[in-house]
Amino acid sequence: MSADWDPGSPDVHRDQRVAYDRQRTTCPVAHDGSGTWTLFAHGDVVAAANDAKTFSSRVSSHLNVPNGMDGDEHAAYRGIVERYMGPDRVEALAPTCHAIAADVIASTPRHEVFRAVTLGARFAVRAQSAWLGWPAQLEDTLVEWMADNHAATRSGDHVLTAQVAQRFDTIIRSLIDRARRTPGDDVTTQLLAERVDGRHLTEEEVVSILRNWTAGDLGSIAVSLGVVVHFLASHPDLQHQLRTAAVAGDRPVLEAAVEEILRIDDPFVANRRLATVDVEVAGRTIRAGERVVLNWTAANRDPAVLGDPDAYDPPAHAADNLVFGTGPHACPGRALSLMELAVATSELLVATSRIEHAPGQEAVRETPPVGGWSRVPVLLG
């Protein structure tokens, strides 16, 4: 079969959203010629995400708790993860996140060009460290690791990517050792006491959980804040509206705004699945054992479900918003992530009278496999 989708094409690299929108229209279930299918339409993506028996998340030989698990095994480990991201935990952490965001923003110069993603990286590291009980002295190490991990992902060099991942595992193991030596009332210490199937979690399982919580989430918070800041700078009327909500302390309005902005310009491009049986999707046959990519960015902009994909309308789009996925593998950290992003956005709006694009400096969109913006030069007034 000839390829009908080229994820490395120049169009994708110029602007993922435009390329994905066109692909969803012309060939919503596409094959890349090397055994991988990509689903672009909202309905197809939702159906696959909710059918874990047909579209398995066991896509890697490496332990991935709980993301790379299915069925009862996934449910057992996910139950552990969800306990640390419930409403009480999120609300208890919110004041600390406010203080962290205010401190990071206070150190950001006014009337000088700065990059929103850089601000997001500092905030993400401090917020996650506060949640997990990690030492503040680790901040520079984690910020440096985020930059290296980003570069390795973009390079496509699997050896380099593995080396960077191993560095992160080494950091996590040192923090686990610290929690064992001097246990406290923090998430890392508590996780060591968790049990599954009548036994304590193994160290490999704890490392995997912490890796999923942090290695991906640090970059996700940073790039998401970049997307939000870029959108606000491009839409001054909405910026004014949300600044009013921020001053009033209306976090639900800000959370809904953040989720809708991320739907319009979704930086979480895709997740992988593996077909367990032959299955037909939109008239095309995917064979058992073939790889399947769920393209969230394209699905979140499907006019068949959402109308004008660029129209900002949080209430109208909330039920169909796929920024945090759907089905059994929907992101368990949705409430935590939205709180952190809404708090950071709120503090930024309260601390400023305006956010605008830096004249003469162009924002730069990230290239696949990473989404969002790598460079958002703005001025704060």
Protein backbone atom coordinates (compact mmCIF):
# COMPACT_ATOMS: atom_id res chain seq x y z
CA MET A 1 0.00 0.00 0.00
CA SER A 2 1.36 3.42 -0.85
CA ALA A 3 1.66 5.91 1.95
CA ASP A 4 -1.18 8.43 2.26
CA TRP A 5 0.24 10.24 5.29
CA ASP A 6 3.74 11.64 5.73
CA PRO A 7 4.30 12.87 9.32
CA GLY A 8 7.65 14.31 8.24
CA SER A 9 6.31 16.43 5.40
CA PRO A 10 7.20 20.14 5.21
CA ASP A 11 3.53 21.07 5.72
CA VAL A 12 3.45 19.33 9.09
CA HIS A 13 6.63 21.07 10.18
CA ARG A 14 5.40 24.51 9.09
CA ASP A 15 2.12 24.38 10.97
CA GLN A 16 0.83 21.14 12.41
CA ARG A 17 -2.73 22.40 12.79
CA VAL A 18 -3.13 23.36 9.12
CA ALA A 19 -1.60 20.08 7.95
CA TYR A 20 -3.73 17.99 10.34
CA ASP A 21 -6.91 19.87 9.41
CA ARG A 22 -6.27 19.17 5.72
CA GLN A 23 -5.40 15.52 6.39
CA ARG A 24 -8.54 14.99 8.45
CA THR A 25 -10.59 16.24 5.49
CA THR A 26 -8.80 14.36 2.72
CA CYS A 27 -7.85 11.09 4.44
CA PRO A 28 -9.03 10.81 8.05
CA VAL A 29 -7.62 7.29 8.52
CA ALA A 30 -4.17 7.35 6.98
CA HIS A 31 -1.33 4.89 6.54
CA ASP A 32 2.31 5.98 6.47
CA GLY A 33 3.57 3.07 4.41
CA SER A 34 5.56 1.49 7.25
CA GLY A 35 2.89 -0.15 9.38
CA THR A 36 1.48 2.84 11.27
CA TRP A 37 -2.03 4.22 10.94
CA THR A 38 -3.12 7.65 12.17
CA LEU A 39 -6.69 8.56 13.09
CA PHE A 40 -7.56 12.25 12.61
CA ALA A 41 -11.35 12.50 12.99
CA HIS A 42 -12.90 13.21 16.39
CA GLY A 43 -15.33 10.29 16.26
CA ASP A 44 -12.67 7.76 15.23
CA VAL A 45 -10.23 8.96 17.89
CA VAL A 46 -12.87 8.84 20.64
CA ALA A 47 -14.03 5.37 19.60
CA ALA A 48 -10.48 3.98 19.59
CA ALA A 49 -9.58 5.61 22.92
CA ASN A 50 -12.63 4.00 24.51
CA ASP A 51 -11.93 0.54 23.07
CA ALA A 52 -8.85 -0.60 24.96
CA LYS A 53 -9.40 -4.24 23.99
CA THR A 54 -9.03 -3.50 20.29
CA PHE A 55 -6.56 -0.63 20.63
CA SER A 56 -4.08 -1.63 23.31
CA SER A 57 -1.81 0.78 25.18
CA ARG A 58 0.89 -1.89 25.49
CA VAL A 59 3.02 -0.23 22.84
CA SER A 60 6.44 -0.57 24.47
CA SER A 61 8.55 -3.33 25.97
CA HIS A 62 9.53 -0.97 28.78
CA LEU A 63 7.57 -0.80 32.04
CA ASN A 64 5.14 2.12 31.87
CA VAL A 65 2.90 2.40 34.95
CA PRO A 66 -0.03 2.75 34.39
CA ASN A 67 -0.01 4.27 30.88
CA GLY A 68 1.30 1.15 29.15
CA MET A 69 -1.18 -1.23 30.76
CA ASP A 70 -4.69 -2.42 29.92
CA GLY A 71 -7.72 -3.89 31.64
CA ASP A 72 -7.70 -4.88 35.30
CA GLU A 73 -3.96 -4.33 35.64
CA HIS A 74 -4.30 -0.76 34.41
CA ALA A 75 -7.27 -0.13 36.71
CA ALA A 76 -5.37 -1.36 39.78
CA TYR A 77 -2.36 0.89 39.23
CA ARG A 78 -4.47 3.82 38.06
CA GLY A 79 -6.40 3.62 41.32
CA ILE A 80 -3.13 4.30 43.14
CA VAL A 81 -2.24 7.21 40.88
CA GLU A 82 -5.65 8.86 41.19
CA ARG A 83 -5.41 9.04 44.98
CA TYR A 84 -2.66 11.62 44.65
CA MET A 85 -4.55 13.82 42.19
CA GLY A 86 -7.97 14.04 43.82
CA PRO A 87 -9.80 17.31 44.61
CA ASP A 88 -8.52 17.52 48.20
CA ARG A 89 -4.90 17.15 47.11
CA VAL A 90 -5.32 19.70 44.34
CA GLU A 91 -6.95 22.29 46.59
CA ALA A 92 -4.31 21.80 49.29
CA LEU A 93 -1.57 22.50 46.75
CA ALA A 94 -3.25 25.54 45.12
CA PRO A 95 -2.02 28.21 47.62
CA THR A 96 1.54 26.97 47.23
CA CYS A 97 1.23 27.15 43.44
CA HIS A 98 -0.09 30.71 43.71
CA ALA A 99 2.96 31.69 45.76
CA ILE A 100 5.34 29.95 43.35
CA ALA A 101 3.76 31.59 40.30
CA ALA A 102 3.81 35.04 41.93
CA ASP A 103 7.49 34.63 42.78
CA VAL A 104 8.46 33.44 39.29
CA ILE A 105 6.49 36.25 37.65
CA ALA A 106 7.91 38.88 40.01
CA SER A 107 11.38 38.04 38.72
CA THR A 108 10.27 38.45 35.09
CA PRO A 109 11.30 41.86 33.69
CA ARG A 110 8.62 44.30 32.52
CA HIS A 111 8.88 46.00 29.13
CA GLU A 112 11.59 43.56 28.07
CA VAL A 113 11.19 40.62 25.74
CA PHE A 114 10.89 37.27 27.47
CA ARG A 115 9.86 33.78 26.41
CA ALA A 116 6.68 32.45 27.97
CA VAL A 117 7.87 28.83 27.74
CA THR A 118 10.88 29.70 29.92
CA LEU A 119 8.60 31.13 32.59
CA GLY A 120 6.48 27.98 32.35
CA ALA A 121 9.49 25.73 32.85
CA ARG A 122 10.53 27.41 36.11
CA PHE A 123 6.97 27.38 37.41
CA ALA A 124 6.46 23.73 36.43
CA VAL A 125 9.61 22.54 38.18
CA ARG A 126 8.85 24.41 41.39
CA ALA A 127 5.19 23.36 41.46
CA GLN A 128 5.93 19.70 40.81
CA SER A 129 8.74 19.69 43.37
CA ALA A 130 6.42 21.17 45.99
CA TRP A 131 3.79 18.53 45.22
CA LEU A 132 6.22 15.62 45.36
CA GLY A 133 8.28 16.88 48.29
CA TRP A 134 11.47 17.26 46.26
CA PRO A 135 14.24 19.65 47.40
CA ALA A 136 14.33 23.18 45.99
CA GLN A 137 18.04 22.73 45.24
CA LEU A 138 17.05 20.38 42.41
CA GLU A 139 15.44 23.17 40.37
CA ASP A 140 18.36 24.01 38.08
CA THR A 141 19.09 20.32 37.48
CA LEU A 142 15.49 19.67 36.42
CA VAL A 143 15.29 22.78 34.23
CA GLU A 144 18.49 21.72 32.48
CA TRP A 145 17.16 18.18 32.06
CA MET A 146 13.93 19.53 30.52
CA ALA A 147 15.93 21.41 27.89
CA ASP A 148 18.08 18.35 27.13
CA ASN A 149 15.06 16.07 26.94
CA HIS A 150 13.33 18.47 24.56
CA ALA A 151 16.39 18.57 22.32
CA ALA A 152 16.75 14.78 22.38
CA THR A 153 13.09 14.27 21.45
CA ARG A 154 13.38 16.66 18.52
CA SER A 155 16.61 15.04 17.30
CA GLY A 156 15.04 11.64 16.72
CA ASP A 157 18.27 10.11 18.03
CA HIS A 158 17.12 7.07 20.03
CA VAL A 159 20.49 6.60 21.72
CA LEU A 160 20.55 10.20 22.92
CA THR A 161 16.91 9.99 24.03
CA ALA A 162 17.68 6.85 26.05
CA GLN A 163 20.67 8.51 27.69
CA VAL A 164 18.60 11.53 28.72
CA ALA A 165 15.86 9.25 30.05
CA GLN A 166 18.42 7.32 32.08
CA ARG A 167 19.62 10.59 33.62
CA PHE A 168 16.09 11.28 34.81
CA ASP A 169 15.73 7.78 36.27
CA THR A 170 18.97 8.35 38.18
CA ILE A 171 17.54 11.57 39.64
CA ILE A 172 14.34 9.77 40.65
CA ARG A 173 16.20 6.88 42.29
CA SER A 174 18.25 9.33 44.36
CA LEU A 175 15.02 10.96 45.54
CA ILE A 176 13.53 7.57 46.42
CA ASP A 177 16.65 6.76 48.46
CA ARG A 178 16.29 10.14 50.20
CA ALA A 179 12.64 9.41 51.03
CA ARG A 180 13.59 6.02 52.47
CA ARG A 181 16.36 7.52 54.65
CA THR A 182 14.34 10.48 55.88
CA PRO A 183 10.64 9.73 55.31
CA GLY A 184 8.26 12.66 55.50
CA ASP A 185 4.65 13.53 54.79
CA ASP A 186 5.20 13.97 51.06
CA VAL A 187 3.93 12.20 47.96
CA THR A 188 7.19 10.38 47.20
CA THR A 189 7.35 8.88 50.71
CA GLN A 190 3.67 7.93 50.61
CA LEU A 191 4.07 6.25 47.25
CA LEU A 192 6.69 3.91 48.70
CA ALA A 193 4.05 2.57 51.09
CA GLU A 194 1.50 1.80 48.36
CA ARG A 195 0.47 -1.79 47.69
CA VAL A 196 -0.90 -3.64 44.67
CA ASP A 197 -2.04 -7.27 44.59
CA GLY A 198 -1.15 -7.57 48.29
CA ARG A 199 2.46 -6.43 47.93
CA HIS A 200 4.38 -3.17 48.02
CA LEU A 201 5.20 -1.51 44.74
CA THR A 202 8.62 -2.47 43.42
CA GLU A 203 11.22 0.24 43.00
CA GLU A 204 10.89 -0.10 39.22
CA GLU A 205 7.15 0.56 39.50
CA VAL A 206 7.68 3.60 41.74
CA VAL A 207 10.29 4.95 39.33
CA SER A 208 7.90 4.46 36.41
CA ILE A 209 5.03 6.26 38.17
CA LEU A 210 7.22 9.19 39.18
CA ARG A 211 8.69 9.32 35.68
CA ASN A 212 5.21 9.55 34.16
CA TRP A 213 4.17 12.21 36.65
CA THR A 214 7.18 14.41 36.09
CA ALA A 215 9.21 13.71 32.94
CA GLY A 216 6.21 14.38 30.73
CA ASP A 217 4.30 16.78 32.95
CA LEU A 218 7.16 19.24 33.41
CA GLY A 219 7.40 19.82 29.69
CA SER A 220 3.61 19.74 29.29
CA ILE A 221 3.01 22.53 31.80
CA ALA A 222 5.76 24.65 30.27
CA VAL A 223 4.59 24.32 26.67
CA SER A 224 0.93 24.72 27.69
CA LEU A 225 1.66 28.00 29.42
CA GLY A 226 3.43 29.12 26.25
CA VAL A 227 0.31 28.31 24.21
CA VAL A 228 -1.94 30.18 26.65
CA VAL A 229 0.27 33.28 26.77
CA HIS A 230 0.54 33.34 22.98
CA PHE A 231 -3.25 33.12 22.66
CA LEU A 232 -3.85 35.89 25.20
CA ALA A 233 -1.34 38.16 23.50
CA SER A 234 -3.19 37.53 20.21
CA HIS A 235 -6.65 38.18 21.73
CA PRO A 236 -6.56 41.34 23.87
CA ASP A 237 -10.34 41.36 24.47
CA LEU A 238 -10.23 37.87 25.97
CA GLN A 239 -7.13 38.86 27.90
CA HIS A 240 -9.05 41.74 29.48
CA GLN A 241 -11.99 39.46 30.28
CA LEU A 242 -9.79 36.87 31.96
CA ARG A 243 -7.80 39.52 33.83
CA THR A 244 -11.08 40.58 35.43
CA ALA A 245 -11.75 36.96 36.41
CA ALA A 246 -8.21 36.63 37.78
CA VAL A 247 -8.56 39.72 39.96
CA ALA A 248 -11.85 38.29 41.27
CA GLY A 249 -10.15 34.96 42.04
CA ASP A 250 -12.50 33.04 39.73
CA ARG A 251 -10.37 29.97 39.06
CA PRO A 252 -13.15 27.91 37.39
CA VAL A 253 -13.44 30.53 34.64
CA LEU A 254 -9.68 30.46 34.13
CA GLU A 255 -9.55 26.66 34.09
CA ALA A 256 -12.28 26.52 31.45
CA ALA A 257 -10.44 29.16 29.42
CA VAL A 258 -7.13 27.28 29.61
CA GLU A 259 -8.71 24.02 28.49
CA GLU A 260 -10.46 25.70 25.56
CA ILE A 261 -7.31 27.53 24.46
CA LEU A 262 -5.43 24.24 24.52
CA ARG A 263 -8.19 22.63 22.46
CA ILE A 264 -7.81 25.28 19.77
CA ASP A 265 -4.03 24.86 19.73
CA ASP A 266 -3.47 21.45 21.32
CA PRO A 267 0.22 20.84 22.10
CA PHE A 268 -0.42 17.20 23.11
CA VAL A 269 -0.31 15.92 19.56
CA ALA A 270 -0.85 12.19 19.80
CA ASN A 271 -0.79 8.92 21.72
CA ARG A 272 0.09 5.49 20.39
CA ARG A 273 -1.96 2.29 20.41
CA LEU A 274 -1.50 -1.25 19.04
CA ALA A 275 -4.30 -3.06 17.21
CA THR A 276 -4.98 -6.43 18.84
CA VAL A 277 -7.34 -7.72 16.11
CA ASP A 278 -8.19 -6.78 12.55
CA VAL A 279 -10.53 -3.80 12.72
CA GLU A 280 -12.21 -1.54 10.18
CA VAL A 281 -12.19 2.21 10.79
CA ALA A 282 -13.92 4.53 8.32
CA GLY A 283 -13.77 1.89 5.61
CA ARG A 284 -10.10 1.04 6.05
CA THR A 285 -8.79 -2.20 7.54
CA ILE A 286 -6.18 -2.03 10.27
CA ARG A 287 -4.52 -5.41 10.83
CA ALA A 288 -3.72 -6.97 14.19
CA GLY A 289 -0.25 -5.93 15.31
CA GLU A 290 -0.19 -2.66 13.38
CA ARG A 291 0.56 0.58 15.18
CA VAL A 292 -2.16 3.22 15.55
CA VAL A 293 -1.71 6.89 16.39
CA LEU A 294 -4.57 8.88 17.91
CA ASN A 295 -4.09 12.46 16.74
CA TRP A 296 -5.63 14.59 19.50
CA THR A 297 -4.70 17.89 17.84
CA ALA A 298 -6.67 17.05 14.70
CA ALA A 299 -9.60 15.55 16.61
CA ASN A 300 -9.87 18.65 18.79
CA ARG A 301 -10.35 20.76 15.66
CA ASP A 302 -12.89 18.57 13.86
CA PRO A 303 -15.66 20.88 12.54
CA ALA A 304 -18.05 17.92 12.25
CA VAL A 305 -18.21 17.95 16.05
CA LEU A 306 -16.96 21.37 17.13
CA GLY A 307 -18.04 23.70 14.33
CA ASP A 308 -15.48 26.44 13.71
CA PRO A 309 -12.36 24.94 15.33
CA ASP A 310 -10.89 28.38 16.05
CA ALA A 311 -14.01 29.73 17.76
CA TYR A 312 -13.38 30.33 21.47
CA ASP A 313 -16.43 28.95 23.31
CA PRO A 314 -15.59 26.95 26.46
CA PRO A 315 -19.17 25.96 27.44
CA ALA A 316 -20.08 24.78 23.94
CA HIS A 317 -16.92 22.69 23.48
CA ALA A 318 -16.32 21.34 26.99
CA ALA A 319 -18.05 17.98 26.49
CA ASP A 320 -16.06 17.20 23.33
CA ASN A 321 -12.70 18.62 24.42
CA LEU A 322 -9.98 15.96 24.16
CA VAL A 323 -6.99 17.90 25.52
CA PHE A 324 -6.69 15.41 28.39
CA GLY A 325 -7.82 12.42 26.36
CA THR A 326 -10.86 10.25 26.92
CA GLY A 327 -11.67 6.68 27.88
CA PRO A 328 -9.88 4.52 30.44
CA HIS A 329 -6.54 6.17 29.70
CA ALA A 330 -7.76 9.77 30.02
CA CYS A 331 -5.18 11.82 31.91
CA PRO A 332 -5.68 11.31 35.68
CA GLY A 333 -3.81 14.56 36.30
CA ARG A 334 -6.35 16.78 34.51
CA ALA A 335 -7.51 18.58 37.66
CA LEU A 336 -3.95 19.08 38.91
CA SER A 337 -2.70 20.36 35.55
CA LEU A 338 -5.64 22.72 35.06
CA MET A 339 -5.19 24.12 38.55
CA GLU A 340 -1.49 24.76 37.97
CA LEU A 341 -2.07 26.38 34.58
CA ALA A 342 -5.01 28.47 35.79
CA VAL A 343 -3.02 29.65 38.83
CA ALA A 344 0.00 30.60 36.71
CA THR A 345 -2.22 32.39 34.19
CA SER A 346 -4.10 34.17 36.98
CA GLU A 347 -0.94 35.44 38.65
CA LEU A 348 0.44 36.60 35.30
CA LEU A 349 -2.75 38.53 34.50
CA VAL A 350 -3.01 40.08 37.95
CA ALA A 351 0.63 41.21 37.81
CA THR A 352 0.23 42.91 34.42
CA SER A 353 -1.92 45.47 32.66
CA ARG A 354 -1.26 43.94 29.24
CA ILE A 355 0.52 41.09 27.50
CA GLU A 356 1.49 41.70 23.89
CA HIS A 357 3.66 40.18 21.21
CA ALA A 358 7.13 41.68 21.05
CA PRO A 359 7.29 43.86 17.93
CA GLY A 360 9.61 42.57 15.24
CA GLN A 361 10.04 39.18 16.92
CA GLU A 362 8.19 36.19 15.59
CA ALA A 363 6.73 33.39 17.68
CA VAL A 364 8.05 30.01 16.54
CA ARG A 365 5.87 26.93 16.40
CA GLU A 366 7.39 23.67 17.54
CA THR A 367 8.08 20.92 15.04
CA PRO A 368 6.81 17.34 15.48
CA PRO A 369 6.83 15.21 17.51
CA VAL A 370 6.50 18.06 20.03
CA GLY A 371 3.54 20.47 19.81
CA GLY A 372 2.85 24.04 20.87
CA TRP A 373 5.29 26.93 20.65
CA SER A 374 9.01 26.75 21.30
CA ARG A 375 9.43 30.52 21.28
CA VAL A 376 6.81 33.06 22.37
CA PRO A 377 8.49 36.46 22.70
CA VAL A 378 6.13 38.83 24.53
CA LEU A 379 6.20 42.08 26.48
CA LEU A 380 4.52 42.58 29.85
CA GLY A 381 3.04 45.93 30.75
